[in-house]
Amino acid sequence: MSAIIVPEPTEGLSNHPTVNCAVGLDGASSRIRVSEAMEKPSSKAVAFSLVEVTLALGVAAFSLLLLFGLLPVALKAQQASIHQTTANKILSEIVSDMRAAVRIHGNGNGNSGNFLLHLPPTSGNPWQPSMQLPSTAYFTNEGNYQQGLAGSVFTANVYYRATNAANTTALTHIIVSWPSQQTDLTMVAGSVETVININRPAP
């Protein structure tokens, strides 16, 4: 069996050029019409224009600038929140320390057990000017007690407010502020405070 293909030019449609081929197979012949349009599919590339790319880059750059501008504010707010949480912890520990302190008249130095804060005196007038100075304690950035101002971050000041001198309860105002180096409480970065009653042991 043998096959012979002989191409023969012919006229096709203007939009669909064709090629005619004569095929011979064991004495029989036939013609096959092949469309060139089927052999050469058309393709069209799709891409962004220069204007679209420029606009996209501009929007991305503007968003990044806004994000970088908000970072310092977010970091400052986070730091303030951490300091306030630590200051509240210190405040709670001071309240517990002062309420747990037991001072026996004539025996002891009159300080709290953990933070060495002066307790209200058991006799005389505790609201004399010399007695109204605050008792101070210093704490590290982690909220640990330390002696002395150097290297501290938080300062705790304890004030005893005037009540009846014969009263056995002292009204105590506790303020924890930061940073420690700022002694003016109106100019500190932040502070927390509370007022509690501290029992004054009888003499």
N, C-alpha and C. Protein backbone atom coordinates (compact mmCIF):
# COMPACT_ATOMS: atom_id res chain seq x y z
N MET A 1 0.87 -1.19 0.00
CA MET A 1 0.00 0.00 0.00
C MET A 1 0.90 1.23 0.00
N SER A 2 0.58 2.18 -0.88
CA SER A 2 1.37 3.40 -0.96
C SER A 2 0.46 4.59 -1.06
N ALA A 3 0.91 5.66 -0.50
CA ALA A 3 0.10 6.91 -0.52
C ALA A 3 0.97 8.01 -1.05
N ILE A 4 0.41 8.79 -1.91
CA ILE A 4 1.11 9.92 -2.51
C ILE A 4 0.28 11.17 -2.28
N ILE A 5 0.90 12.18 -1.69
CA ILE A 5 0.22 13.46 -1.43
C ILE A 5 0.87 14.50 -2.28
N VAL A 6 0.09 15.10 -3.12
CA VAL A 6 0.60 16.14 -4.02
C VAL A 6 -0.17 17.41 -3.74
N PRO A 7 0.48 18.44 -3.19
CA PRO A 7 -0.26 19.68 -2.90
C PRO A 7 -0.60 20.41 -4.18
N GLU A 8 -1.77 20.93 -4.22
CA GLU A 8 -2.21 21.71 -5.38
C GLU A 8 -2.71 23.05 -4.89
N PRO A 9 -2.13 24.12 -5.35
CA PRO A 9 -2.62 25.45 -4.93
C PRO A 9 -4.02 25.69 -5.42
N THR A 10 -4.77 26.33 -4.63
CA THR A 10 -6.14 26.69 -5.00
C THR A 10 -6.48 28.01 -4.34
N GLU A 11 -7.52 28.57 -4.78
CA GLU A 11 -7.97 29.85 -4.21
C GLU A 11 -8.93 29.59 -3.07
N GLY A 12 -8.65 30.17 -1.88
CA GLY A 12 -9.57 30.04 -0.75
C GLY A 12 -10.23 31.35 -0.44
N LEU A 13 -10.97 31.31 0.62
CA LEU A 13 -11.61 32.54 1.06
C LEU A 13 -10.53 33.51 1.53
N SER A 14 -10.79 34.78 1.43
CA SER A 14 -9.80 35.78 1.79
C SER A 14 -9.44 35.73 3.26
N ASN A 15 -10.44 35.43 4.12
CA ASN A 15 -10.21 35.39 5.57
C ASN A 15 -9.71 34.03 6.03
N HIS A 16 -9.91 33.03 5.27
CA HIS A 16 -9.51 31.67 5.65
C HIS A 16 -8.76 31.04 4.50
N PRO A 17 -7.47 31.33 4.35
CA PRO A 17 -6.71 30.71 3.26
C PRO A 17 -6.63 29.20 3.45
N THR A 18 -6.69 28.47 2.34
CA THR A 18 -6.68 27.00 2.39
C THR A 18 -5.66 26.47 1.41
N VAL A 19 -5.33 25.23 1.57
CA VAL A 19 -4.42 24.50 0.68
C VAL A 19 -5.08 23.20 0.28
N ASN A 20 -5.17 22.93 -1.00
CA ASN A 20 -5.73 21.66 -1.50
C ASN A 20 -4.61 20.67 -1.74
N CYS A 21 -4.83 19.44 -1.30
CA CYS A 21 -3.85 18.39 -1.50
C CYS A 21 -4.53 17.22 -2.19
N ALA A 22 -3.85 16.67 -3.19
CA ALA A 22 -4.36 15.47 -3.85
C ALA A 22 -3.72 14.26 -3.20
N VAL A 23 -4.52 13.29 -2.81
CA VAL A 23 -4.04 12.10 -2.13
C VAL A 23 -4.33 10.88 -3.00
N GLY A 24 -3.30 10.09 -3.25
CA GLY A 24 -3.48 8.85 -4.00
C GLY A 24 -3.22 7.66 -3.11
N LEU A 25 -4.14 6.70 -3.08
CA LEU A 25 -4.02 5.53 -2.22
C LEU A 25 -4.43 4.30 -3.01
N ASP A 26 -3.40 3.51 -3.48
CA ASP A 26 -3.64 2.30 -4.27
C ASP A 26 -4.54 2.59 -5.45
N GLY A 27 -4.22 3.60 -6.19
CA GLY A 27 -4.98 3.90 -7.39
C GLY A 27 -6.15 4.79 -7.17
N ALA A 28 -6.56 4.94 -5.93
CA ALA A 28 -7.69 5.83 -5.65
C ALA A 28 -7.14 7.18 -5.26
N SER A 29 -7.85 8.16 -5.59
CA SER A 29 -7.40 9.51 -5.26
C SER A 29 -8.49 10.26 -4.53
N SER A 30 -8.03 11.20 -3.74
CA SER A 30 -8.98 12.03 -3.00
C SER A 30 -8.32 13.37 -2.73
N ARG A 31 -9.12 14.30 -2.36
CA ARG A 31 -8.60 15.62 -2.09
C ARG A 31 -8.94 16.00 -0.63
N ILE A 32 -7.95 16.55 0.00
CA ILE A 32 -8.13 17.00 1.38
C ILE A 32 -7.93 18.50 1.42
N ARG A 33 -8.85 19.15 2.05
CA ARG A 33 -8.77 20.61 2.16
C ARG A 33 -8.32 20.97 3.59
N VAL A 34 -7.17 21.58 3.71
CA VAL A 34 -6.61 21.92 5.03
C VAL A 34 -6.68 23.42 5.20
N SER A 35 -7.24 23.84 6.32
CA SER A 35 -7.34 25.27 6.61
C SER A 35 -6.10 25.72 7.36
N GLU A 36 -5.45 26.75 6.87
CA GLU A 36 -4.27 27.29 7.55
C GLU A 36 -4.64 27.99 8.86
N ALA A 37 -5.88 28.44 8.97
CA ALA A 37 -6.31 29.11 10.22
C ALA A 37 -6.29 28.15 11.39
N MET A 38 -6.50 26.85 11.16
CA MET A 38 -6.48 25.85 12.22
C MET A 38 -5.05 25.57 12.67
N GLU A 39 -4.11 25.77 11.80
CA GLU A 39 -2.73 25.48 12.13
C GLU A 39 -2.04 26.64 12.84
N LYS A 40 -2.52 27.84 12.71
CA LYS A 40 -1.90 29.03 13.29
C LYS A 40 -2.89 29.80 14.16
N PRO A 41 -3.09 29.33 15.45
CA PRO A 41 -4.02 30.05 16.33
C PRO A 41 -3.47 31.42 16.68
N SER A 42 -4.34 32.37 16.76
CA SER A 42 -3.94 33.74 17.10
C SER A 42 -3.88 33.91 18.61
N SER A 43 -2.95 34.72 19.11
CA SER A 43 -2.81 35.00 20.54
C SER A 43 -2.60 36.50 20.74
N LYS A 44 -3.10 37.01 21.91
CA LYS A 44 -2.99 38.42 22.21
C LYS A 44 -2.49 38.60 23.63
N ALA A 45 -1.37 39.26 23.87
CA ALA A 45 -0.78 39.47 25.19
C ALA A 45 -1.56 40.54 25.96
N VAL A 46 -1.78 40.28 27.36
CA VAL A 46 -2.49 41.22 28.22
C VAL A 46 -1.51 41.72 29.27
N ALA A 47 -1.41 43.04 29.49
CA ALA A 47 -0.47 43.61 30.47
C ALA A 47 -1.04 44.91 31.00
N PHE A 48 -0.48 45.36 32.18
CA PHE A 48 -0.88 46.63 32.76
C PHE A 48 -0.20 47.77 32.01
N SER A 49 -0.90 48.86 31.94
CA SER A 49 -0.31 50.04 31.30
C SER A 49 0.61 50.75 32.28
N LEU A 50 1.43 51.65 31.79
CA LEU A 50 2.36 52.40 32.63
C LEU A 50 1.62 53.28 33.63
N VAL A 51 0.49 53.81 33.24
CA VAL A 51 -0.31 54.65 34.14
C VAL A 51 -0.83 53.83 35.31
N GLU A 52 -1.33 52.63 35.03
CA GLU A 52 -1.85 51.77 36.09
C GLU A 52 -0.75 51.36 37.07
N VAL A 53 0.42 51.02 36.56
CA VAL A 53 1.53 50.65 37.43
C VAL A 53 1.95 51.83 38.31
N THR A 54 1.99 53.02 37.73
CA THR A 54 2.37 54.21 38.49
C THR A 54 1.38 54.51 39.61
N LEU A 55 0.09 54.40 39.31
CA LEU A 55 -0.94 54.63 40.34
C LEU A 55 -0.84 53.60 41.46
N ALA A 56 -0.60 52.34 41.12
CA ALA A 56 -0.49 51.30 42.14
C ALA A 56 0.71 51.55 43.05
N LEU A 57 1.84 51.94 42.48
CA LEU A 57 3.01 52.25 43.29
C LEU A 57 2.78 53.46 44.19
N GLY A 58 2.04 54.45 43.69
CA GLY A 58 1.75 55.63 44.50
C GLY A 58 0.87 55.29 45.70
N VAL A 59 -0.14 54.46 45.48
CA VAL A 59 -1.02 54.05 46.60
C VAL A 59 -0.24 53.24 47.62
N ALA A 60 0.63 52.34 47.16
CA ALA A 60 1.43 51.52 48.08
C ALA A 60 2.38 52.39 48.89
N ALA A 61 3.02 53.36 48.24
CA ALA A 61 3.95 54.24 48.96
C ALA A 61 3.22 55.09 49.99
N PHE A 62 2.04 55.60 49.66
CA PHE A 62 1.26 56.41 50.61
C PHE A 62 0.84 55.57 51.81
N SER A 63 0.44 54.32 51.59
CA SER A 63 0.05 53.44 52.69
C SER A 63 1.22 53.14 53.61
N LEU A 64 2.40 52.92 53.05
CA LEU A 64 3.58 52.66 53.87
C LEU A 64 3.97 53.87 54.70
N LEU A 65 3.84 55.07 54.12
CA LEU A 65 4.15 56.28 54.88
C LEU A 65 3.21 56.43 56.07
N LEU A 66 1.93 56.16 55.87
CA LEU A 66 0.98 56.23 56.98
C LEU A 66 1.32 55.20 58.05
N LEU A 67 1.68 53.99 57.64
CA LEU A 67 2.02 52.95 58.59
C LEU A 67 3.25 53.32 59.41
N PHE A 68 4.29 53.83 58.76
CA PHE A 68 5.50 54.22 59.47
C PHE A 68 5.23 55.40 60.40
N GLY A 69 4.31 56.29 60.02
CA GLY A 69 3.98 57.41 60.88
C GLY A 69 3.25 57.01 62.14
N LEU A 70 2.49 55.90 62.07
CA LEU A 70 1.74 55.45 63.24
C LEU A 70 2.56 54.58 64.18
N LEU A 71 3.70 54.06 63.72
CA LEU A 71 4.51 53.18 64.56
C LEU A 71 4.98 53.85 65.86
N PRO A 72 5.53 55.08 65.83
CA PRO A 72 5.95 55.69 67.10
C PRO A 72 4.80 55.88 68.07
N VAL A 73 3.62 56.25 67.57
CA VAL A 73 2.46 56.43 68.45
C VAL A 73 2.06 55.10 69.09
N ALA A 74 2.06 54.04 68.28
CA ALA A 74 1.69 52.72 68.82
C ALA A 74 2.69 52.24 69.86
N LEU A 75 3.99 52.45 69.59
CA LEU A 75 5.01 52.03 70.55
C LEU A 75 4.91 52.81 71.85
N LYS A 76 4.63 54.11 71.74
CA LYS A 76 4.49 54.93 72.95
C LYS A 76 3.28 54.50 73.77
N ALA A 77 2.18 54.20 73.10
CA ALA A 77 0.98 53.74 73.81
C ALA A 77 1.22 52.39 74.48
N GLN A 78 1.94 51.51 73.80
CA GLN A 78 2.24 50.21 74.38
C GLN A 78 3.13 50.35 75.61
N GLN A 79 4.15 51.22 75.52
CA GLN A 79 5.04 51.42 76.66
C GLN A 79 4.29 52.02 77.84
N ALA A 80 3.39 52.96 77.57
CA ALA A 80 2.60 53.56 78.66
C ALA A 80 1.70 52.51 79.31
N SER A 81 1.14 51.62 78.52
CA SER A 81 0.29 50.57 79.07
C SER A 81 1.08 49.62 79.95
N ILE A 82 2.31 49.27 79.52
CA ILE A 82 3.16 48.39 80.33
C ILE A 82 3.53 49.06 81.65
N HIS A 83 3.88 50.35 81.60
CA HIS A 83 4.23 51.07 82.82
C HIS A 83 3.04 51.17 83.78
N GLN A 84 1.87 51.40 83.23
CA GLN A 84 0.69 51.51 84.10
C GLN A 84 0.37 50.17 84.76
N THR A 85 0.53 49.08 84.01
CA THR A 85 0.29 47.75 84.59
C THR A 85 1.29 47.48 85.72
N THR A 86 2.57 47.81 85.49
CA THR A 86 3.58 47.60 86.53
C THR A 86 3.32 48.49 87.74
N ALA A 87 2.92 49.74 87.51
CA ALA A 87 2.64 50.66 88.62
C ALA A 87 1.46 50.17 89.46
N ASN A 88 0.44 49.63 88.83
CA ASN A 88 -0.70 49.08 89.58
C ASN A 88 -0.26 47.88 90.42
N LYS A 89 0.63 47.08 89.88
CA LYS A 89 1.17 45.94 90.64
C LYS A 89 1.93 46.42 91.87
N ILE A 90 2.77 47.46 91.69
CA ILE A 90 3.52 48.02 92.82
C ILE A 90 2.56 48.59 93.86
N LEU A 91 1.54 49.30 93.39
CA LEU A 91 0.56 49.90 94.31
C LEU A 91 -0.12 48.83 95.15
N SER A 92 -0.52 47.74 94.52
CA SER A 92 -1.18 46.65 95.24
C SER A 92 -0.24 46.02 96.28
N GLU A 93 1.03 45.87 95.92
CA GLU A 93 1.99 45.28 96.85
C GLU A 93 2.25 46.19 98.04
N ILE A 94 2.27 47.51 97.80
CA ILE A 94 2.48 48.46 98.90
C ILE A 94 1.31 48.42 99.87
N VAL A 95 0.09 48.39 99.32
CA VAL A 95 -1.10 48.32 100.19
C VAL A 95 -1.05 47.07 101.06
N SER A 96 -0.71 45.95 100.46
CA SER A 96 -0.63 44.69 101.22
C SER A 96 0.47 44.77 102.27
N ASP A 97 1.61 45.36 101.90
CA ASP A 97 2.73 45.45 102.83
C ASP A 97 2.39 46.32 104.03
N MET A 98 1.73 47.44 103.78
CA MET A 98 1.43 48.34 104.89
C MET A 98 0.33 47.78 105.79
N ARG A 99 -0.64 47.13 105.21
CA ARG A 99 -1.72 46.57 106.03
C ARG A 99 -1.26 45.35 106.82
N ALA A 100 -0.24 44.68 106.31
CA ALA A 100 0.26 43.50 107.02
C ALA A 100 1.30 43.86 108.07
N ALA A 101 1.82 45.10 108.01
CA ALA A 101 2.87 45.49 108.96
C ALA A 101 2.29 45.62 110.36
N VAL A 102 3.01 45.08 111.32
CA VAL A 102 2.60 45.17 112.73
C VAL A 102 3.72 45.87 113.48
N ARG A 103 3.38 46.95 114.14
CA ARG A 103 4.37 47.68 114.91
C ARG A 103 3.94 47.71 116.36
N ILE A 104 4.76 47.20 117.21
CA ILE A 104 4.49 47.21 118.65
C ILE A 104 5.18 48.41 119.28
N HIS A 105 4.42 49.17 120.07
CA HIS A 105 4.97 50.39 120.66
C HIS A 105 6.18 50.06 121.52
N GLY A 106 7.27 50.78 121.24
CA GLY A 106 8.48 50.59 122.02
C GLY A 106 9.34 49.46 121.50
N ASN A 107 8.93 48.79 120.43
CA ASN A 107 9.72 47.68 119.90
C ASN A 107 9.60 47.67 118.38
N GLY A 108 10.67 47.92 117.69
CA GLY A 108 10.62 47.95 116.24
C GLY A 108 10.99 49.34 115.72
N ASN A 109 11.27 49.39 114.43
CA ASN A 109 11.69 50.66 113.84
C ASN A 109 10.55 51.41 113.18
N GLY A 110 9.33 50.90 113.23
CA GLY A 110 8.19 51.62 112.69
C GLY A 110 8.12 51.63 111.18
N ASN A 111 8.71 50.62 110.51
CA ASN A 111 8.68 50.53 109.07
C ASN A 111 7.92 49.28 108.62
N SER A 112 7.43 49.32 107.39
CA SER A 112 6.77 48.15 106.83
C SER A 112 7.81 47.06 106.56
N GLY A 113 7.34 45.84 106.46
CA GLY A 113 8.26 44.72 106.38
C GLY A 113 9.01 44.60 105.06
N ASN A 114 8.35 44.83 103.93
CA ASN A 114 8.97 44.59 102.62
C ASN A 114 9.64 45.82 102.03
N PHE A 115 8.99 46.97 102.12
CA PHE A 115 9.48 48.16 101.43
C PHE A 115 10.00 49.24 102.37
N LEU A 116 10.04 48.95 103.68
CA LEU A 116 10.60 49.87 104.68
C LEU A 116 9.93 51.23 104.64
N LEU A 117 8.62 51.25 104.42
CA LEU A 117 7.87 52.50 104.44
C LEU A 117 7.50 52.85 105.87
N HIS A 118 7.63 54.14 106.23
CA HIS A 118 7.32 54.57 107.59
C HIS A 118 5.82 54.41 107.84
N LEU A 119 5.51 53.86 108.99
CA LEU A 119 4.12 53.71 109.39
C LEU A 119 3.69 54.91 110.24
N PRO A 120 2.39 55.13 110.35
CA PRO A 120 1.92 56.25 111.19
C PRO A 120 2.37 56.06 112.63
N PRO A 121 2.79 57.13 113.29
CA PRO A 121 3.24 56.99 114.69
C PRO A 121 2.07 56.61 115.60
N THR A 122 2.42 55.95 116.70
CA THR A 122 1.38 55.45 117.60
C THR A 122 1.01 56.44 118.69
N SER A 123 1.80 57.48 118.84
CA SER A 123 1.51 58.44 119.91
C SER A 123 1.79 59.85 119.42
N GLY A 124 1.27 60.80 120.16
CA GLY A 124 1.48 62.19 119.80
C GLY A 124 0.62 62.56 118.59
N ASN A 125 0.91 63.71 118.03
CA ASN A 125 0.16 64.19 116.88
C ASN A 125 0.89 63.77 115.59
N PRO A 126 0.34 62.79 114.85
CA PRO A 126 1.04 62.30 113.66
C PRO A 126 0.98 63.26 112.48
N TRP A 127 0.24 64.36 112.63
CA TRP A 127 0.05 65.26 111.50
C TRP A 127 0.86 66.54 111.62
N GLN A 128 1.90 66.50 112.46
CA GLN A 128 2.81 67.62 112.53
C GLN A 128 3.55 67.74 111.18
N PRO A 129 4.03 68.95 110.84
CA PRO A 129 4.72 69.12 109.55
C PRO A 129 5.84 68.12 109.32
N SER A 130 6.58 67.77 110.37
CA SER A 130 7.67 66.82 110.20
C SER A 130 7.15 65.44 109.87
N MET A 131 5.92 65.15 110.25
CA MET A 131 5.34 63.84 109.99
C MET A 131 4.63 63.79 108.63
N GLN A 132 4.40 64.93 108.01
CA GLN A 132 3.63 64.95 106.78
C GLN A 132 4.51 64.78 105.53
N LEU A 133 5.82 64.70 105.70
CA LEU A 133 6.68 64.41 104.57
C LEU A 133 6.42 63.00 104.07
N PRO A 134 6.48 62.77 102.74
CA PRO A 134 6.15 61.44 102.24
C PRO A 134 7.23 60.41 102.57
N SER A 135 6.79 59.20 102.76
CA SER A 135 7.71 58.08 102.85
C SER A 135 7.87 57.53 101.44
N THR A 136 9.11 57.32 101.00
CA THR A 136 9.39 57.04 99.60
C THR A 136 10.05 55.67 99.43
N ALA A 137 9.67 54.99 98.34
CA ALA A 137 10.31 53.72 97.96
C ALA A 137 10.52 53.74 96.45
N TYR A 138 11.57 53.06 96.00
CA TYR A 138 11.93 53.05 94.58
C TYR A 138 11.86 51.62 94.03
N PHE A 139 11.51 51.55 92.72
CA PHE A 139 11.32 50.25 92.08
C PHE A 139 11.94 50.25 90.69
N THR A 140 12.35 49.08 90.26
CA THR A 140 12.97 48.92 88.93
C THR A 140 11.89 48.88 87.85
N ASN A 141 12.33 48.76 86.60
CA ASN A 141 11.41 48.70 85.48
C ASN A 141 10.51 47.47 85.55
N GLU A 142 10.98 46.41 86.20
CA GLU A 142 10.18 45.19 86.35
C GLU A 142 9.28 45.23 87.57
N GLY A 143 9.37 46.31 88.37
CA GLY A 143 8.53 46.43 89.55
C GLY A 143 9.16 45.85 90.80
N ASN A 144 10.46 45.61 90.79
CA ASN A 144 11.15 45.07 91.97
C ASN A 144 11.65 46.21 92.84
N TYR A 145 11.55 46.02 94.15
CA TYR A 145 11.97 47.05 95.10
C TYR A 145 13.49 47.17 95.11
N GLN A 146 13.96 48.41 95.20
CA GLN A 146 15.39 48.66 95.35
C GLN A 146 15.58 49.85 96.27
N GLN A 147 16.73 49.92 96.92
CA GLN A 147 17.05 51.04 97.81
C GLN A 147 17.84 52.08 97.03
N GLY A 148 17.34 53.29 96.99
CA GLY A 148 18.03 54.37 96.31
C GLY A 148 17.42 54.69 94.95
N LEU A 149 17.63 55.93 94.53
CA LEU A 149 17.03 56.43 93.30
C LEU A 149 17.75 55.93 92.05
N ALA A 150 19.06 55.74 92.12
CA ALA A 150 19.86 55.41 90.93
C ALA A 150 19.37 54.12 90.27
N GLY A 151 19.07 54.24 88.97
CA GLY A 151 18.65 53.07 88.20
C GLY A 151 17.19 52.70 88.35
N SER A 152 16.44 53.42 89.16
CA SER A 152 15.02 53.10 89.35
C SER A 152 14.17 53.73 88.26
N VAL A 153 12.96 53.21 88.11
CA VAL A 153 12.02 53.72 87.12
C VAL A 153 10.76 54.26 87.80
N PHE A 154 10.33 53.61 88.87
CA PHE A 154 9.10 53.99 89.57
C PHE A 154 9.43 54.50 90.97
N THR A 155 8.66 55.51 91.39
CA THR A 155 8.75 56.05 92.74
C THR A 155 7.40 55.94 93.42
N ALA A 156 7.40 55.44 94.66
CA ALA A 156 6.18 55.36 95.45
C ALA A 156 6.28 56.35 96.60
N ASN A 157 5.33 57.26 96.69
CA ASN A 157 5.28 58.23 97.78
C ASN A 157 4.03 57.95 98.61
N VAL A 158 4.22 57.90 99.93
CA VAL A 158 3.13 57.61 100.86
C VAL A 158 2.93 58.83 101.75
N TYR A 159 1.71 59.37 101.74
CA TYR A 159 1.36 60.54 102.56
C TYR A 159 0.29 60.13 103.56
N TYR A 160 0.38 60.68 104.78
CA TYR A 160 -0.65 60.46 105.80
C TYR A 160 -1.46 61.75 105.92
N ARG A 161 -2.74 61.64 105.66
CA ARG A 161 -3.60 62.82 105.68
C ARG A 161 -4.13 63.08 107.08
N ALA A 162 -4.36 64.35 107.36
CA ALA A 162 -4.75 64.76 108.71
C ALA A 162 -6.16 64.27 109.05
N THR A 163 -6.25 63.63 110.19
CA THR A 163 -7.54 63.29 110.81
C THR A 163 -7.40 63.61 112.30
N ASN A 164 -8.31 63.12 113.09
CA ASN A 164 -8.23 63.34 114.53
C ASN A 164 -6.97 62.65 115.07
N ALA A 165 -6.18 63.38 115.84
CA ALA A 165 -4.93 62.83 116.35
C ALA A 165 -5.15 61.62 117.23
N ALA A 166 -6.30 61.56 117.89
CA ALA A 166 -6.56 60.43 118.78
C ALA A 166 -7.12 59.23 118.03
N ASN A 167 -7.39 59.40 116.75
CA ASN A 167 -7.97 58.31 115.97
C ASN A 167 -6.92 57.22 115.74
N THR A 168 -7.35 55.97 115.79
CA THR A 168 -6.42 54.86 115.58
C THR A 168 -6.31 54.47 114.11
N THR A 169 -6.99 55.18 113.23
CA THR A 169 -6.92 54.88 111.80
C THR A 169 -6.29 56.06 111.07
N ALA A 170 -5.30 55.76 110.25
CA ALA A 170 -4.61 56.79 109.48
C ALA A 170 -5.07 56.73 108.04
N LEU A 171 -5.50 57.88 107.50
CA LEU A 171 -5.87 57.97 106.09
C LEU A 171 -4.60 58.13 105.27
N THR A 172 -4.34 57.16 104.41
CA THR A 172 -3.04 57.07 103.72
C THR A 172 -3.23 57.24 102.22
N HIS A 173 -2.49 58.17 101.65
CA HIS A 173 -2.53 58.46 100.22
C HIS A 173 -1.24 57.92 99.59
N ILE A 174 -1.37 56.98 98.65
CA ILE A 174 -0.21 56.34 98.01
C ILE A 174 -0.20 56.71 96.53
N ILE A 175 0.94 57.20 96.06
CA ILE A 175 1.10 57.59 94.65
C ILE A 175 2.32 56.87 94.08
N VAL A 176 2.14 56.16 92.98
CA VAL A 176 3.25 55.53 92.26
C VAL A 176 3.37 56.25 90.93
N SER A 177 4.54 56.84 90.65
CA SER A 177 4.74 57.63 89.44
C SER A 177 6.00 57.18 88.72
N TRP A 178 6.09 57.57 87.46
CA TRP A 178 7.29 57.30 86.66
C TRP A 178 7.48 58.45 85.66
N PRO A 179 8.73 58.77 85.30
CA PRO A 179 9.99 58.17 85.79
C PRO A 179 10.37 58.69 87.17
N SER A 180 11.26 57.96 87.83
CA SER A 180 11.64 58.32 89.20
C SER A 180 12.37 59.64 89.28
N GLN A 181 13.08 60.00 88.21
CA GLN A 181 13.90 61.21 88.25
C GLN A 181 13.06 62.48 88.28
N GLN A 182 11.79 62.38 87.90
CA GLN A 182 10.91 63.56 87.91
C GLN A 182 10.19 63.61 89.26
N THR A 183 10.57 64.59 90.08
CA THR A 183 9.97 64.71 91.41
C THR A 183 8.69 65.53 91.40
N ASP A 184 8.47 66.33 90.35
CA ASP A 184 7.24 67.11 90.25
C ASP A 184 6.13 66.22 89.69
N LEU A 185 5.15 65.91 90.52
CA LEU A 185 4.11 64.98 90.11
C LEU A 185 3.21 65.53 89.01
N THR A 186 3.27 66.85 88.79
CA THR A 186 2.47 67.42 87.70
C THR A 186 3.15 67.28 86.34
N MET A 187 4.39 66.81 86.32
CA MET A 187 5.14 66.72 85.07
C MET A 187 5.63 65.29 84.78
N VAL A 188 5.16 64.31 85.54
CA VAL A 188 5.60 62.93 85.31
C VAL A 188 4.93 62.37 84.07
N ALA A 189 5.51 61.29 83.52
CA ALA A 189 4.93 60.66 82.34
C ALA A 189 3.61 59.97 82.67
N GLY A 190 3.50 59.46 83.89
CA GLY A 190 2.26 58.80 84.29
C GLY A 190 2.30 58.46 85.77
N SER A 191 1.13 58.19 86.33
CA SER A 191 1.06 57.85 87.76
C SER A 191 -0.26 57.14 88.05
N VAL A 192 -0.27 56.38 89.13
CA VAL A 192 -1.49 55.76 89.66
C VAL A 192 -1.51 56.04 91.16
N GLU A 193 -2.69 56.11 91.74
CA GLU A 193 -2.78 56.44 93.16
C GLU A 193 -4.02 55.83 93.77
N THR A 194 -3.99 55.76 95.08
CA THR A 194 -5.13 55.26 95.83
C THR A 194 -5.08 55.82 97.24
N VAL A 195 -6.19 55.75 97.93
CA VAL A 195 -6.29 56.18 99.33
C VAL A 195 -6.84 55.02 100.14
N ILE A 196 -6.14 54.66 101.21
CA ILE A 196 -6.56 53.54 102.06
C ILE A 196 -6.50 53.95 103.52
N ASN A 197 -7.05 53.14 104.36
CA ASN A 197 -6.99 53.32 105.81
C ASN A 197 -5.99 52.35 106.39
N ILE A 198 -5.07 52.88 107.20
CA ILE A 198 -4.08 52.05 107.87
C ILE A 198 -4.32 52.15 109.37
N ASN A 199 -4.48 51.02 110.01
CA ASN A 199 -4.70 51.02 111.44
C ASN A 199 -3.43 51.44 112.17
N ARG A 200 -3.61 52.30 113.20
CA ARG A 200 -2.49 52.73 114.05
C ARG A 200 -2.57 51.97 115.34
N PRO A 201 -1.61 51.10 115.59
CA PRO A 201 -1.64 50.34 116.87
C PRO A 201 -1.61 51.29 118.06
N ALA A 202 -2.34 50.93 119.06
CA ALA A 202 -2.36 51.77 120.27
C ALA A 202 -1.01 51.70 120.96
N PRO A 203 -0.58 52.80 121.60
CA PRO A 203 0.73 52.81 122.28
C PRO A 203 0.73 51.90 123.50
